[in-house]
Amino acid sequence: MLTAGGLFAVLCFGIVVPGQALEEKNAEEAPVSGDSSQCLACHEALHPGIVEGWRKSRHARRTPAQALEESELARRISSEDIPEELMNNAVGCAECHTMRPEAHADTFEHAGFDVHIVVSPDDCETCHRTERQQYSENLMAHAYGNLENNPLYQQLVISVNGIPERKEDGRVEFSGNDPQTYAESCLYCHGTKLSVSGTKARETDYGTFDVPVIDGWPNQGSGRVNLDGSLGSCTACHTRHKFSIEEARSPSTCRECHEGPDVPAYKIYMNSKHGGIYSSGHKDWDFSAVPWTVGEDFRSPTCATCHASLLTTPDGTVVAERTHAMKERLPWRIFGLIYAHPQPVNPDTSIIVNEQGIHLPTTLDGDFAMEYLIDEKEQAARTETMQSVCRSCHGDNWVDGHWARFENTIRQTNAQTLAATRLISEAWKEGYNRGPEQGESPFDEHGERIWSGLWLFSANHVRFASAMAGGGDYGVFADGRYHMTDRYLELHDWLETQRKLSETAEAK
């Protein structure tokens, strides 16, 4: 039997979706503070998209005091010492944008308030302390520094973003890394480093306001360096101004930075058995439930299921604890670098220097720099945590067989990468390309592009297809194993051609 609210939903929208009962229950907005009411008085007209998004959020419908009344498993906030003045109002404009004004370099006087534009994880920590602390231990939170502070990665960046120039000796040299290009390429996902460079007078219908000019803005990258010194952006996954858990649980949210070809997770997931089930049935799932009950709220995993969400069985038994430190279920690091390897101990990977003096977690020969990486005991613990998620839908034989195949794929792709690395190393030694041994970039010449494409694109496709139990043809012909061997042959033939050309030149 439909409730009045349910009937209203049917009349307005045509359907009742899972989780809607909860939304109806909290449809009335929570009390709005006087400060936030002043913000809304102007910004409802100026920025209706922002305000209406916020009105549909849980921030607008629940006070922190109400949120703390939930059972521990159902609770969506983790801080228990929230300031009293915040407890009984909605989490509105002023509650976030006037939080800790002295800590933010972009704080400016606005309509009688000290307002800052960029809300940071340290602001969100007021209500979400555990999540904030976990995220700080995440590779994603350090994504800017891990890229910017690694000289080898910077050579890759320049070879992608730099302006090519043909030199007199026939070599091509890439130079420069334009800040705006950098911000909308690599740093779009890694995050920019924000800084205030001055102020600007802005004319509005409500008068003229001096507002800060923020270099590196806009940006929602996962490792953004904020104006209070904190790292990360909660809006990378929980976008403004709805900040919904439903959105963060959707594969489409992860797709923004994890589609490929260097990080082909989304497209492989969507072509896997899990992705097929998701595509055919997710409209009937409940993406708002906390905890997320396996089998009842969803039928197959999304990215968040395996990597982040609090999962329970229908009887309330916890399958996996919620985490915003994505590493806790990951024993292997399978993308972005030359060889797959154990996860790093420290999320700041710029500190890693292998025995060859290169800022990589493996040598060019594939040996692990184990002093920087988790040991076998920690790998086993993380494997068990991930497999507990798998076993909520699969039997032990299935899970064990899948994992054995996945770790075999790691060994095989590393071996194929090593074979190609030996070829490019010969090219460096013989002078056909110039690499690390000559103090040069290993990414900016033709042979090096073939070599890096093998592991940066093709090996990643193979490993992701294996990790996610399928992915259609991405493990074979869709930039998978076929392309690994194809790139090896191309590199081999290029090297042999260089040798023959050199022999011909010497003979003359």
Foldseek 3Di string as FASTA:
>chain_A
DDDPLRVVCCVVPVDDAPPVVVCSVQLDFFAADPVQVVVCVPCCVVPVVQVVLQSSAVLGRDAQQRLVVDDPQQRPWDDDCQDPVRGRHRCGDCLFFQPPLVLFPFFDQDPNGGGHDDGDLVSVCSGHVQQSVQLLQALQQCLVLLQPLAVQNVQVQQLVQFDWDQDPVRDIDGDDHDLVNCLPPSCQASAEEKDWDAWDWDQDPVGIDIGTDIPSPDHQHQFHQHRSRGGGHLCLQQNHPRRAQLSNQDLVSVCVPQCDLLRNQSLLLCLAPLNVQCVVPVRRAHRRGGQHEDPHRDPGGHPCLQFAGFYDHPVRHTLAHGGSRRCLQPQWDQTDDLAIDGAFPGSNQSPAAAPVRHSDQAPLQGHGRPVGHDDPVSSVNSPVSSVSSVVVNDDPVVSVVLVVQLVVLRVVLSVLLNLLSVLVVVCCVVVVDPPVVNPHHLCNDDLSVLSCLLRSRASSQLNSCSVSVHRDCSCPDVSYPVSNVVSSVVSVVVSVVVVVVVVVVVVD
